[in-house]
PDB file of N, CA and C in Angstrom:
ATOM      1  N   MET A   1       0.841  -1.147   0.079  1.00  0.00           N
ATOM      2  CA  MET A   1      -0.113   0.128  -0.017  1.00  0.00           C
ATOM      3  C   MET A   1       0.877   1.254   0.030  1.00  0.00           C
ATOM      4  N   GLU A   2       0.678   2.217  -0.829  1.00  0.00           N
ATOM      5  CA  GLU A   2       1.367   3.452  -0.977  1.00  0.00           C
ATOM      6  C   GLU A   2       0.999   4.380   0.207  1.00  0.00           C
ATOM      7  N   LYS A   3       1.949   5.007   0.623  1.00  0.00           N
ATOM      8  CA  LYS A   3       1.821   6.147   1.470  1.00  0.00           C
ATOM      9  C   LYS A   3       1.232   7.451   1.065  1.00  0.00           C
ATOM     10  N   LYS A   4       0.349   8.115   1.601  1.00  0.00           N
ATOM     11  CA  LYS A   4       0.024   9.149   0.896  1.00  0.00           C
ATOM     12  C   LYS A   4       0.779  10.396   1.297  1.00  0.00           C
ATOM     13  N   MET A   5       0.868  11.487   0.571  1.00  0.00           N
ATOM     14  CA  MET A   5       1.821  12.498   0.719  1.00  0.00           C
ATOM     15  C   MET A   5       1.168  13.485   1.782  1.00  0.00           C
ATOM     16  N   THR A   6       1.658  13.994   2.763  1.00  0.00           N
ATOM     17  CA  THR A   6       1.122  15.167   3.522  1.00  0.00           C
ATOM     18  C   THR A   6       1.113  16.404   2.815  1.00  0.00           C
ATOM     19  N   LYS A   7       0.527  17.131   3.352  1.00  0.00           N
ATOM     20  CA  LYS A   7       0.270  18.442   2.858  1.00  0.00           C
ATOM     21  C   LYS A   7       1.592  19.224   2.951  1.00  0.00           C
ATOM     22  N   ARG A   8       2.371  19.152   3.750  1.00  0.00           N
ATOM     23  CA  ARG A   8       3.758  19.680   3.956  1.00  0.00           C
ATOM     24  C   ARG A   8       4.432  19.183   2.661  1.00  0.00           C
ATOM     25  N   GLN A   9       4.602  17.715   2.764  1.00  0.00           N
ATOM     26  CA  GLN A   9       5.243  17.151   1.546  1.00  0.00           C
ATOM     27  C   GLN A   9       5.014  17.886   0.164  1.00  0.00           C
ATOM     28  N   MET A  10       3.740  17.847   0.027  1.00  0.00           N
ATOM     29  CA  MET A  10       3.101  18.249  -1.440  1.00  0.00           C
ATOM     30  C   MET A  10       3.750  19.793  -1.507  1.00  0.00           C
ATOM     31  N   PHE A  11       3.604  20.474  -0.627  1.00  0.00           N
ATOM     32  CA  PHE A  11       4.095  21.977  -0.883  1.00  0.00           C
ATOM     33  C   PHE A  11       5.726  22.028  -1.304  1.00  0.00           C
ATOM     34  N   GLU A  12       6.501  21.289  -0.372  1.00  0.00           N
ATOM     35  CA  GLU A  12       7.734  21.190  -0.623  1.00  0.00           C
ATOM     36  C   GLU A  12       8.054  20.691  -1.896  1.00  0.00           C
ATOM     37  N   MET A  13       7.408  19.757  -2.330  1.00  0.00           N
ATOM     38  CA  MET A  13       7.739  19.035  -3.648  1.00  0.00           C
ATOM     39  C   MET A  13       7.092  20.137  -4.662  1.00  0.00           C
ATOM     40  N   ILE A  14       6.048  20.785  -4.750  1.00  0.00           N
ATOM     41  CA  ILE A  14       5.862  22.055  -5.744  1.00  0.00           C
ATOM     42  C   ILE A  14       6.756  23.032  -5.722  1.00  0.00           C
ATOM     43  N   LYS A  15       7.149  23.380  -4.398  1.00  0.00           N
ATOM     44  CA  LYS A  15       8.183  24.418  -4.453  1.00  0.00           C
ATOM     45  C   LYS A  15       9.565  23.975  -5.227  1.00  0.00           C
ATOM     46  N   GLY A  16      10.022  22.654  -4.969  1.00  0.00           N
ATOM     47  CA  GLY A  16      11.181  22.456  -5.664  1.00  0.00           C
ATOM     48  C   GLY A  16      10.948  22.101  -7.163  1.00  0.00           C
ATOM     49  N   VAL A  17       9.935  21.708  -7.410  1.00  0.00           N
ATOM     50  CA  VAL A  17       9.749  21.675  -9.094  1.00  0.00           C
ATOM     51  C   VAL A  17       9.813  22.823  -9.695  1.00  0.00           C
ATOM     52  N   ASN A  18       9.176  24.106  -8.912  1.00  0.00           N
ATOM     53  CA  ASN A  18       8.918  25.266  -9.479  1.00  0.00           C
ATOM     54  C   ASN A  18       9.853  26.410  -8.823  1.00  0.00           C
ATOM     55  N   ALA A  19      11.121  25.871  -8.627  1.00  0.00           N
ATOM     56  CA  ALA A  19      11.953  26.778  -7.955  1.00  0.00           C
ATOM     57  C   ALA A  19      12.216  28.022  -8.677  1.00  0.00           C
ATOM     58  N   ASP A  20      12.216  27.959  -9.920  1.00  0.00           N
ATOM     59  CA  ASP A  20      12.316  29.033 -10.936  1.00  0.00           C
ATOM     60  C   ASP A  20      11.205  30.063 -11.168  1.00  0.00           C
ATOM     61  N   ASN A  21      10.015  29.927 -10.196  1.00  0.00           N
ATOM     62  CA  ASN A  21       9.000  30.648 -10.411  1.00  0.00           C
ATOM     63  C   ASN A  21       8.616  31.393  -8.956  1.00  0.00           C
ATOM     64  N   ALA A  22       8.972  32.574  -8.772  1.00  0.00           N
ATOM     65  CA  ALA A  22       9.031  33.104  -7.216  1.00  0.00           C
ATOM     66  C   ALA A  22       7.626  33.177  -6.849  1.00  0.00           C
ATOM     67  N   GLU A  23       6.585  33.508  -7.651  1.00  0.00           N
ATOM     68  CA  GLU A  23       5.159  33.438  -7.276  1.00  0.00           C
ATOM     69  C   GLU A  23       4.912  32.181  -6.416  1.00  0.00           C
ATOM     70  N   ILE A  24       5.225  31.078  -7.089  1.00  0.00           N
ATOM     71  CA  ILE A  24       4.927  29.826  -6.756  1.00  0.00           C
ATOM     72  C   ILE A  24       5.640  29.551  -5.233  1.00  0.00           C
ATOM     73  N   VAL A  25       6.967  29.631  -5.473  1.00  0.00           N
ATOM     74  CA  VAL A  25       7.705  29.465  -4.248  1.00  0.00           C
ATOM     75  C   VAL A  25       7.287  30.136  -2.943  1.00  0.00           C
ATOM     76  N   ALA A  26       6.910  31.648  -3.513  1.00  0.00           N
ATOM     77  CA  ALA A  26       6.413  32.478  -2.102  1.00  0.00           C
ATOM     78  C   ALA A  26       5.152  31.860  -1.609  1.00  0.00           C
ATOM     79  N   PHE A  27       4.167  31.355  -2.505  1.00  0.00           N
ATOM     80  CA  PHE A  27       3.001  30.928  -2.155  1.00  0.00           C
ATOM     81  C   PHE A  27       3.156  29.561  -1.292  1.00  0.00           C
ATOM     82  N   CYS A  28       4.097  28.738  -1.707  1.00  0.00           N
ATOM     83  CA  CYS A  28       4.460  27.367  -0.925  1.00  0.00           C
ATOM     84  C   CYS A  28       5.104  27.891   0.515  1.00  0.00           C
ATOM     85  N   ASP A  29       5.970  28.697   0.391  1.00  0.00           N
ATOM     86  CA  ASP A  29       6.425  29.176   1.601  1.00  0.00           C
ATOM     87  C   ASP A  29       5.500  29.810   2.692  1.00  0.00           C
ATOM     88  N   LYS A  30       4.490  30.502   2.343  1.00  0.00           N
ATOM     89  CA  LYS A  30       3.472  30.832   2.938  1.00  0.00           C
ATOM     90  C   LYS A  30       2.617  29.948   3.576  1.00  0.00           C
ATOM     91  N   GLU A  31       2.169  28.915   2.738  1.00  0.00           N
ATOM     92  CA  GLU A  31       1.564  27.711   3.252  1.00  0.00           C
ATOM     93  C   GLU A  31       2.192  26.776   4.256  1.00  0.00           C
ATOM     94  N   LEU A  32       3.336  26.782   4.047  1.00  0.00           N
ATOM     95  CA  LEU A  32       4.374  25.896   4.943  1.00  0.00           C
ATOM     96  C   LEU A  32       4.342  26.600   6.335  1.00  0.00           C
ATOM     97  N   ALA A  33       4.440  28.103   6.214  1.00  0.00           N
ATOM     98  CA  ALA A  33       4.505  28.790   7.657  1.00  0.00           C
ATOM     99  C   ALA A  33       3.276  28.678   8.269  1.00  0.00           C
ATOM    100  N   LEU A  34       2.073  28.648   7.558  1.00  0.00           N
ATOM    101  CA  LEU A  34       0.690  28.217   8.006  1.00  0.00           C
ATOM    102  C   LEU A  34       0.718  26.962   8.917  1.00  0.00           C
ATOM    103  N   LEU A  35       1.390  26.042   8.185  1.00  0.00           N
ATOM    104  CA  LEU A  35       1.370  24.725   8.686  1.00  0.00           C
ATOM    105  C   LEU A  35       2.231  24.671   9.960  1.00  0.00           C
ATOM    106  N   ASP A  36       3.386  25.308   9.915  1.00  0.00           N
ATOM    107  CA  ASP A  36       4.103  25.355  11.156  1.00  0.00           C
ATOM    108  C   ASP A  36       3.428  26.076  12.314  1.00  0.00           C
ATOM    109  N   LYS A  37       2.731  27.200  11.961  1.00  0.00           N
ATOM    110  CA  LYS A  37       1.786  27.607  12.950  1.00  0.00           C
ATOM    111  C   LYS A  37       0.828  26.944  13.448  1.00  0.00           C
ATOM    112  N   LYS A  38       0.347  26.273  12.706  1.00  0.00           N
ATOM    113  CA  LYS A  38      -0.950  25.307  12.890  1.00  0.00           C
ATOM    114  C   LYS A  38      -0.521  24.330  14.019  1.00  0.00           C
ATOM    115  N   ASN A  39       0.812  23.851  13.888  1.00  0.00           N
ATOM    116  CA  ASN A  39       1.396  22.521  14.617  1.00  0.00           C
ATOM    117  C   ASN A  39       1.936  22.783  15.838  1.00  0.00           C
ATOM    118  N   VAL A  40       1.964  24.318  16.455  1.00  0.00           N
ATOM    119  CA  VAL A  40       2.680  24.717  17.296  1.00  0.00           C
ATOM    120  C   VAL A  40       1.604  24.267  18.527  1.00  0.00           C
ATOM    121  N   SER A  41       2.382  23.865  19.598  1.00  0.00           N
ATOM    122  CA  SER A  41       1.168  23.431  20.797  1.00  0.00           C
ATOM    123  C   SER A  41       0.620  24.626  21.376  1.00  0.00           C
ATOM    124  N   ARG A  42      -0.721  24.536  21.347  1.00  0.00           N
ATOM    125  CA  ARG A  42      -1.591  25.644  22.202  1.00  0.00           C
ATOM    126  C   ARG A  42      -1.571  25.555  23.471  1.00  0.00           C
ATOM    127  N   GLY A  43      -1.037  24.425  24.244  1.00  0.00           N
ATOM    128  CA  GLY A  43      -1.102  24.431  25.661  1.00  0.00           C
ATOM    129  C   GLY A  43      -2.188  23.674  26.022  1.00  0.00           C
ATOM    130  N   GLU A  44      -2.223  23.328  27.331  1.00  0.00           N
ATOM    131  CA  GLU A  44      -3.277  22.358  27.737  1.00  0.00           C
ATOM    132  C   GLU A  44      -4.604  22.824  27.733  1.00  0.00           C
ATOM    133  N   THR A  45      -5.507  22.009  27.786  1.00  0.00           N
ATOM    134  CA  THR A  45      -6.899  22.675  27.766  1.00  0.00           C
ATOM    135  C   THR A  45      -7.442  22.471  29.241  1.00  0.00           C
ATOM    136  N   ALA A  46      -8.507  23.084  29.723  1.00  0.00           N
ATOM    137  CA  ALA A  46      -8.891  23.316  31.087  1.00  0.00           C
ATOM    138  C   ALA A  46      -9.000  21.847  31.438  1.00  0.00           C
ATOM    139  N   THR A  47      -9.574  20.906  30.729  1.00  0.00           N
ATOM    140  CA  THR A  47      -9.876  19.250  31.034  1.00  0.00           C
ATOM    141  C   THR A  47      -8.262  18.736  31.636  1.00  0.00           C
ATOM    142  N   GLN A  48      -7.277  19.125  30.693  1.00  0.00           N
ATOM    143  CA  GLN A  48      -5.921  18.589  30.720  1.00  0.00           C
ATOM    144  C   GLN A  48      -5.571  19.058  32.199  1.00  0.00           C
ATOM    145  N   LYS A  49      -5.655  20.383  32.421  1.00  0.00           N
ATOM    146  CA  LYS A  49      -5.064  20.835  33.817  1.00  0.00           C
ATOM    147  C   LYS A  49      -5.631  20.264  35.009  1.00  0.00           C
ATOM    148  N   GLU A  50      -7.087  20.148  34.836  1.00  0.00           N
ATOM    149  CA  GLU A  50      -7.910  19.532  35.688  1.00  0.00           C
ATOM    150  C   GLU A  50      -7.574  18.161  36.120  1.00  0.00           C
ATOM    151  N   ASN A  51      -7.181  17.363  34.951  1.00  0.00           N
ATOM    152  CA  ASN A  51      -6.849  16.170  35.203  1.00  0.00           C
ATOM    153  C   ASN A  51      -5.574  15.836  35.932  1.00  0.00           C
ATOM    154  N   ALA A  52      -4.476  16.855  35.425  1.00  0.00           N
ATOM    155  CA  ALA A  52      -3.346  16.694  36.050  1.00  0.00           C
ATOM    156  C   ALA A  52      -3.615  17.021  37.552  1.00  0.00           C
ATOM    157  N   VAL A  53      -4.292  17.828  37.966  1.00  0.00           N
ATOM    158  CA  VAL A  53      -4.425  18.031  39.628  1.00  0.00           C
ATOM    159  C   VAL A  53      -5.378  16.798  40.062  1.00  0.00           C
ATOM    160  N   LEU A  54      -6.064  16.222  39.375  1.00  0.00           N
ATOM    161  CA  LEU A  54      -6.767  15.241  39.935  1.00  0.00           C
ATOM    162  C   LEU A  54      -5.802  13.765  40.008  1.00  0.00           C
ATOM    163  N   SER A  55      -5.030  13.860  38.929  1.00  0.00           N
ATOM    164  CA  SER A  55      -3.841  12.689  39.192  1.00  0.00           C
ATOM    165  C   SER A  55      -2.979  12.781  40.403  1.00  0.00           C
ATOM    166  N   ASN A  56      -2.615  14.175  40.679  1.00  0.00           N
ATOM    167  CA  ASN A  56      -1.722  14.631  41.803  1.00  0.00           C
ATOM    168  C   ASN A  56      -2.561  14.103  43.144  1.00  0.00           C
ATOM    169  N   GLU A  57      -3.849  14.447  43.250  1.00  0.00           N
ATOM    170  CA  GLU A  57      -4.522  14.117  44.062  1.00  0.00           C
ATOM    171  C   GLU A  57      -4.720  12.538  44.628  1.00  0.00           C
ATOM    172  N   ILE A  58      -5.039  11.859  43.351  1.00  0.00           N
ATOM    173  CA  ILE A  58      -5.024  10.464  43.282  1.00  0.00           C
ATOM    174  C   ILE A  58      -3.702   9.747  44.115  1.00  0.00           C
ATOM    175  N   LEU A  59      -2.442  10.180  43.414  1.00  0.00           N
ATOM    176  CA  LEU A  59      -1.356   9.821  43.835  1.00  0.00           C
ATOM    177  C   LEU A  59      -0.923   9.799  45.377  1.00  0.00           C
ATOM    178  N   ASP A  60      -1.387  11.045  45.811  1.00  0.00           N
ATOM    179  CA  ASP A  60      -1.249  11.367  47.377  1.00  0.00           C
ATOM    180  C   ASP A  60      -2.268  10.554  48.079  1.00  0.00           C
ATOM    181  N   ILE A  61      -3.374  10.164  47.518  1.00  0.00           N
ATOM    182  CA  ILE A  61      -4.249   9.105  48.574  1.00  0.00           C
ATOM    183  C   ILE A  61      -3.653   7.570  48.469  1.00  0.00           C
ATOM    184  N   LEU A  62      -3.189   7.256  47.051  1.00  0.00           N
ATOM    185  CA  LEU A  62      -2.548   5.940  46.911  1.00  0.00           C
ATOM    186  C   LEU A  62      -1.273   5.926  47.828  1.00  0.00           C
ATOM    187  N   SER A  63      -0.658   6.851  48.078  1.00  0.00           N
ATOM    188  CA  SER A  63       0.530   6.651  48.767  1.00  0.00           C
ATOM    189  C   SER A  63       0.229   6.254  50.211  1.00  0.00           C
ATOM    190  N   ASP A  64      -1.001   6.519  50.738  1.00  0.00           N
ATOM    191  CA  ASP A  64      -1.222   6.120  52.089  1.00  0.00           C
ATOM    192  C   ASP A  64      -1.794   4.697  51.948  1.00  0.00           C
ATOM    193  N   LEU A  65      -1.868   4.302  51.089  1.00  0.00           N
ATOM    194  CA  LEU A  65      -2.478   2.711  51.142  1.00  0.00           C
ATOM    195  C   LEU A  65      -1.655   1.600  51.082  1.00  0.00           C
ATOM    196  N   ASP A  66      -1.726   0.750  51.930  1.00  0.00           N
ATOM    197  CA  ASP A  66      -0.968  -0.635  52.210  1.00  0.00           C
ATOM    198  C   ASP A  66      -1.048  -1.621  51.092  1.00  0.00           C
ATOM    199  N   LYS A  67      -2.154  -1.688  50.419  1.00  0.00           N
ATOM    200  CA  LYS A  67      -2.221  -3.019  49.678  1.00  0.00           C
ATOM    201  C   LYS A  67      -2.811  -2.374  48.331  1.00  0.00           C
ATOM    202  N   ALA A  68      -2.892  -3.105  47.064  1.00  0.00           N
ATOM    203  CA  ALA A  68      -3.288  -2.790  45.957  1.00  0.00           C
ATOM    204  C   ALA A  68      -5.011  -2.762  46.058  1.00  0.00           C
ATOM    205  N   LYS A  69      -5.623  -1.991  45.221  1.00  0.00           N
ATOM    206  CA  LYS A  69      -7.118  -1.867  45.255  1.00  0.00           C
ATOM    207  C   LYS A  69      -7.553  -1.790  43.718  1.00  0.00           C
ATOM    208  N   THR A  70      -8.710  -2.303  43.599  1.00  0.00           N
ATOM    209  CA  THR A  70      -9.384  -1.936  42.316  1.00  0.00           C
ATOM    210  C   THR A  70      -9.927  -0.611  41.944  1.00  0.00           C
ATOM    211  N   VAL A  71     -10.434  -0.179  40.960  1.00  0.00           N
ATOM    212  CA  VAL A  71     -10.897   1.165  40.800  1.00  0.00           C
ATOM    213  C   VAL A  71     -12.199   1.215  41.875  1.00  0.00           C
ATOM    214  N   THR A  72     -13.154   0.114  41.539  1.00  0.00           N
ATOM    215  CA  THR A  72     -14.199   0.204  42.564  1.00  0.00           C
ATOM    216  C   THR A  72     -13.964   0.435  44.045  1.00  0.00           C
ATOM    217  N   GLU A  73     -12.980  -0.354  44.495  1.00  0.00           N
ATOM    218  CA  GLU A  73     -12.640  -0.355  45.874  1.00  0.00           C
ATOM    219  C   GLU A  73     -12.026   1.000  46.324  1.00  0.00           C
ATOM    220  N   LEU A  74     -11.037   1.654  45.031  1.00  0.00           N
ATOM    221  CA  LEU A  74     -10.690   3.055  45.428  1.00  0.00           C
ATOM    222  C   LEU A  74     -11.757   3.953  45.654  1.00  0.00           C
ATOM    223  N   ILE A  75     -12.672   3.871  44.744  1.00  0.00           N
ATOM    224  CA  ILE A  75     -13.860   4.792  44.886  1.00  0.00           C
ATOM    225  C   ILE A  75     -14.659   4.698  46.156  1.00  0.00           C
ATOM    226  N   ASN A  76     -15.081   3.308  46.616  1.00  0.00           N
ATOM    227  CA  ASN A  76     -15.874   3.122  47.751  1.00  0.00           C
ATOM    228  C   ASN A  76     -15.155   3.249  49.064  1.00  0.00           C
ATOM    229  N   GLU A  77     -13.780   3.106  48.885  1.00  0.00           N
ATOM    230  CA  GLU A  77     -13.005   2.605  50.464  1.00  0.00           C
ATOM    231  C   GLU A  77     -12.256   3.796  50.701  1.00  0.00           C
ATOM    232  N   THR A  78     -11.799   4.788  49.815  1.00  0.00           N
ATOM    233  CA  THR A  78     -10.889   6.021  49.992  1.00  0.00           C
ATOM    234  C   THR A  78     -11.571   7.227  49.774  1.00  0.00           C
ATOM    235  N   GLU A  79     -10.710   8.343  49.863  1.00  0.00           N
ATOM    236  CA  GLU A  79     -11.093   9.611  49.597  1.00  0.00           C
ATOM    237  C   GLU A  79     -11.209   9.868  48.102  1.00  0.00           C
ATOM    238  N   ILE A  80     -10.697   9.111  47.360  1.00  0.00           N
ATOM    239  CA  ILE A  80     -10.935   9.127  45.810  1.00  0.00           C
ATOM    240  C   ILE A  80     -12.298   9.367  45.412  1.00  0.00           C
ATOM    241  N   GLY A  81     -13.113   8.627  46.119  1.00  0.00           N
ATOM    242  CA  GLY A  81     -14.568   8.703  45.621  1.00  0.00           C
ATOM    243  C   GLY A  81     -15.121  10.170  46.183  1.00  0.00           C
ATOM    244  N   LYS A  82     -14.412  10.951  46.965  1.00  0.00           N
ATOM    245  CA  LYS A  82     -14.892  12.136  47.185  1.00  0.00           C
ATOM    246  C   LYS A  82     -14.629  13.440  46.222  1.00  0.00           C
ATOM    247  N   LEU A  83     -13.343  13.022  45.532  1.00  0.00           N
ATOM    248  CA  LEU A  83     -12.977  14.003  44.562  1.00  0.00           C
ATOM    249  C   LEU A  83     -13.909  14.388  43.481  1.00  0.00           C
ATOM    250  N   THR A  84     -13.894  15.617  43.071  1.00  0.00           N
ATOM    251  CA  THR A  84     -14.849  16.262  42.152  1.00  0.00           C
ATOM    252  C   THR A  84     -14.043  16.868  40.989  1.00  0.00           C
ATOM    253  N   PHE A  85     -14.913  16.687  39.861  1.00  0.00           N
ATOM    254  CA  PHE A  85     -14.354  17.387  38.536  1.00  0.00           C
ATOM    255  C   PHE A  85     -15.382  17.952  37.780  1.00  0.00           C
ATOM    256  N   GLY A  86     -14.863  18.579  36.865  1.00  0.00           N
ATOM    257  CA  GLY A  86     -15.821  19.406  35.878  1.00  0.00           C
ATOM    258  C   GLY A  86     -16.516  20.371  36.510  1.00  0.00           C
ATOM    259  N   LYS A  87     -17.228  21.389  35.413  1.00  0.00           N
ATOM    260  CA  LYS A  87     -17.971  22.496  35.656  1.00  0.00           C
ATOM    261  C   LYS A  87     -18.944  22.407  36.756  1.00  0.00           C
ATOM    262  N   ASP A  88     -19.499  21.050  36.662  1.00  0.00           N
ATOM    263  CA  ASP A  88     -20.876  20.911  37.759  1.00  0.00           C
ATOM    264  C   ASP A  88     -20.275  20.133  38.762  1.00  0.00           C
ATOM    265  N   GLN A  89     -19.002  19.877  39.053  1.00  0.00           N
ATOM    266  CA  GLN A  89     -18.393  19.315  40.435  1.00  0.00           C
ATOM    267  C   GLN A  89     -19.016  17.824  40.542  1.00  0.00           C
ATOM    268  N   LYS A  90     -18.826  17.011  39.633  1.00  0.00           N
ATOM    269  CA  LYS A  90     -19.306  15.579  39.566  1.00  0.00           C
ATOM    270  C   LYS A  90     -18.396  14.810  40.475  1.00  0.00           C
ATOM    271  N   THR A  91     -18.846  13.921  41.172  1.00  0.00           N
ATOM    272  CA  THR A  91     -17.992  13.048  42.096  1.00  0.00           C
ATOM    273  C   THR A  91     -17.407  12.206  41.215  1.00  0.00           C
ATOM    274  N   MET A  92     -16.283  11.716  41.642  1.00  0.00           N
ATOM    275  CA  MET A  92     -15.421  10.656  40.762  1.00  0.00           C
ATOM    276  C   MET A  92     -16.259   9.294  40.381  1.00  0.00           C
ATOM    277  N   THR A  93     -16.317   9.152  39.102  1.00  0.00           N
ATOM    278  CA  THR A  93     -16.927   7.908  38.403  1.00  0.00           C
ATOM    279  C   THR A  93     -15.995   6.803  38.277  1.00  0.00           C
ATOM    280  N   ASN A  94     -16.412   5.520  38.108  1.00  0.00           N
ATOM    281  CA  ASN A  94     -15.397   4.551  37.785  1.00  0.00           C
ATOM    282  C   ASN A  94     -14.667   4.741  36.523  1.00  0.00           C
ATOM    283  N   GLN A  95     -15.509   5.452  35.507  1.00  0.00           N
ATOM    284  CA  GLN A  95     -14.881   5.543  34.107  1.00  0.00           C
ATOM    285  C   GLN A  95     -13.774   6.804  34.124  1.00  0.00           C
ATOM    286  N   LYS A  96     -14.025   7.637  34.867  1.00  0.00           N
ATOM    287  CA  LYS A  96     -13.164   8.812  35.039  1.00  0.00           C
ATOM    288  C   LYS A  96     -11.809   8.531  35.782  1.00  0.00           C
ATOM    289  N   LEU A  97     -12.049   7.506  36.969  1.00  0.00           N
ATOM    290  CA  LEU A  97     -10.832   7.169  37.770  1.00  0.00           C
ATOM    291  C   LEU A  97     -10.049   6.026  36.887  1.00  0.00           C
ATOM    292  N   SER A  98     -10.796   5.249  36.196  1.00  0.00           N
ATOM    293  CA  SER A  98     -10.115   4.196  35.283  1.00  0.00           C
ATOM    294  C   SER A  98      -9.100   4.948  34.450  1.00  0.00           C
ATOM    295  N   ARG A  99      -9.632   6.019  33.652  1.00  0.00           N
ATOM    296  CA  ARG A  99      -8.608   6.828  32.682  1.00  0.00           C
ATOM    297  C   ARG A  99      -7.600   7.202  33.458  1.00  0.00           C
ATOM    298  N   LEU A 100      -7.779   7.889  34.520  1.00  0.00           N
ATOM    299  CA  LEU A 100      -6.559   8.783  35.153  1.00  0.00           C
ATOM    300  C   LEU A 100      -5.717   7.772  35.837  1.00  0.00           C
ATOM    301  N   ILE A 101      -6.114   6.690  36.256  1.00  0.00           N
ATOM    302  CA  ILE A 101      -5.017   5.702  36.860  1.00  0.00           C
ATOM    303  C   ILE A 101      -4.481   4.930  35.948  1.00  0.00           C
ATOM    304  N   ASN A 102      -5.146   4.807  34.788  1.00  0.00           N
ATOM    305  CA  ASN A 102      -4.315   3.951  33.730  1.00  0.00           C
ATOM    306  C   ASN A 102      -3.384   4.797  33.120  1.00  0.00           C
ATOM    307  N   ASP A 103      -3.756   6.002  32.965  1.00  0.00           N
ATOM    308  CA  ASP A 103      -2.570   7.138  32.361  1.00  0.00           C
ATOM    309  C   ASP A 103      -1.484   7.274  33.380  1.00  0.00           C
ATOM    310  N   LEU A 104      -1.872   6.954  34.824  1.00  0.00           N
ATOM    311  CA  LEU A 104      -0.653   6.997  35.712  1.00  0.00           C
ATOM    312  C   LEU A 104       0.358   5.728  35.578  1.00  0.00           C
ATOM    313  N   ALA A 105      -0.554   4.874  35.349  1.00  0.00           N
ATOM    314  CA  ALA A 105       0.355   3.385  35.270  1.00  0.00           C
ATOM    315  C   ALA A 105       1.189   3.438  33.767  1.00  0.00           C
ATOM    316  N   LYS A 106       0.624   4.290  33.022  1.00  0.00           N
ATOM    317  CA  LYS A 106       1.335   4.194  31.524  1.00  0.00           C
ATOM    318  C   LYS A 106       2.726   4.863  31.931  1.00  0.00           C
ATOM    319  N   ASP A 107       2.628   5.995  32.590  1.00  0.00           N
ATOM    320  CA  ASP A 107       3.549   7.047  33.063  1.00  0.00           C
ATOM    321  C   ASP A 107       4.627   6.363  34.078  1.00  0.00           C
ATOM    322  N   ASN A 108       4.358   5.363  34.494  1.00  0.00           N
ATOM    323  CA  ASN A 108       5.154   4.513  35.617  1.00  0.00           C
ATOM    324  C   ASN A 108       5.169   5.096  37.114  1.00  0.00           C
ATOM    325  N   LYS A 109       4.000   5.623  37.399  1.00  0.00           N
ATOM    326  CA  LYS A 109       3.812   6.357  38.595  1.00  0.00           C
ATOM    327  C   LYS A 109       2.934   5.243  39.700  1.00  0.00           C
ATOM    328  N   VAL A 110       2.043   4.778  38.986  1.00  0.00           N
ATOM    329  CA  VAL A 110       1.392   3.593  39.545  1.00  0.00           C
ATOM    330  C   VAL A 110       1.406   2.300  38.831  1.00  0.00           C
ATOM    331  N   VAL A 111       1.315   1.246  39.677  1.00  0.00           N
ATOM    332  CA  VAL A 111       1.763  -0.129  39.464  1.00  0.00           C
ATOM    333  C   VAL A 111       0.247  -0.810  39.203  1.00  0.00           C
ATOM    334  N   ARG A 112       0.179  -1.287  37.904  1.00  0.00           N
ATOM    335  CA  ARG A 112      -1.027  -2.143  37.629  1.00  0.00           C
ATOM    336  C   ARG A 112      -0.906  -3.653  37.771  1.00  0.00           C
ATOM    337  N   VAL A 113      -1.487  -4.221  38.522  1.00  0.00           N
ATOM    338  CA  VAL A 113      -1.386  -5.769  38.716  1.00  0.00           C
ATOM    339  C   VAL A 113      -2.591  -6.511  38.319  1.00  0.00           C
ATOM    340  N   GLU A 114      -2.585  -7.481  37.319  1.00  0.00           N
ATOM    341  CA  GLU A 114      -3.879  -8.023  37.188  1.00  0.00           C
ATOM    342  C   GLU A 114      -3.951  -9.277  37.679  1.00  0.00           C
ATOM    343  N   THR A 115      -4.880  -9.752  38.351  1.00  0.00           N
ATOM    344  CA  THR A 115      -5.317 -11.071  38.914  1.00  0.00           C
ATOM    345  C   THR A 115      -6.609 -11.635  38.442  1.00  0.00           C
ATOM    346  N   LYS A 116      -6.460 -12.676  37.704  1.00  0.00           N
ATOM    347  CA  LYS A 116      -7.704 -13.418  37.183  1.00  0.00           C
ATOM    348  C   LYS A 116      -8.526 -12.203  36.556  1.00  0.00           C
ATOM    349  N   GLY A 117      -7.872 -11.522  35.653  1.00  0.00           N
ATOM    350  CA  GLY A 117      -8.556 -10.477  34.873  1.00  0.00           C
ATOM    351  C   GLY A 117      -9.076  -9.417  35.640  1.00  0.00           C
ATOM    352  N   VAL A 118      -8.992  -9.097  36.732  1.00  0.00           N
ATOM    353  CA  VAL A 118      -9.108  -7.938  37.620  1.00  0.00           C
ATOM    354  C   VAL A 118      -7.954  -6.980  37.784  1.00  0.00           C
ATOM    355  N   ALA A 119      -8.080  -5.809  37.647  1.00  0.00           N
ATOM    356  CA  ALA A 119      -6.818  -5.059  37.770  1.00  0.00           C
ATOM    357  C   ALA A 119      -7.107  -4.443  39.154  1.00  0.00           C
ATOM    358  N   TYR A 120      -5.641  -4.386  39.682  1.00  0.00           N
ATOM    359  CA  TYR A 120      -5.284  -3.682  41.090  1.00  0.00           C
ATOM    360  C   TYR A 120      -4.132  -2.690  40.844  1.00  0.00           C
ATOM    361  N   PHE A 121      -4.425  -1.612  41.637  1.00  0.00           N
ATOM    362  CA  PHE A 121      -3.581  -0.471  41.203  1.00  0.00           C
ATOM    363  C   PHE A 121      -2.780  -0.009  42.897  1.00  0.00           C
ATOM    364  N   LYS A 122      -1.630   0.145  42.673  1.00  0.00           N
ATOM    365  CA  LYS A 122      -0.958   0.662  43.965  1.00  0.00           C
ATOM    366  C   LYS A 122       0.037   1.625  43.548  1.00  0.00           C
ATOM    367  N   ILE A 123       0.500   2.422  44.489  1.00  0.00           N
ATOM    368  CA  ILE A 123       1.716   3.329  44.096  1.00  0.00           C
ATOM    369  C   ILE A 123       2.918   2.727  43.646  1.00  0.00           C
ATOM    370  N   ALA A 124       3.735   3.160  42.718  1.00  0.00           N
ATOM    371  CA  ALA A 124       4.957   2.789  42.110  1.00  0.00           C
ATOM    372  C   ALA A 124       6.027   2.764  43.174  1.00  0.00           C
TER     373      ALA A 124
END
């Protein structure tokens, strides 16, 4: 299967083929600059910032635990269940915690242990 050319590659190719035409070169340079500007990181969204704060709070709570727990146990048996998020300050849900804690596991901040198909989490 042939790989499709990206927009950037297409403009660079057009620019190279038409190097003697200043108008086409200028147009391609302008379009490439717009692509560069578009690709510049716009920073974190409000949700990403909120998730970072929640993740730190989850890590603090996990550091006080002596054994690994499931997501449901973490919500029902720890202060994690009382954490709130979003504009309407919803309490922590299994789905939200599962996403956050699995991201922490990917970052090696939390250990994920699976026993008989059930995932348990503890501080790394």
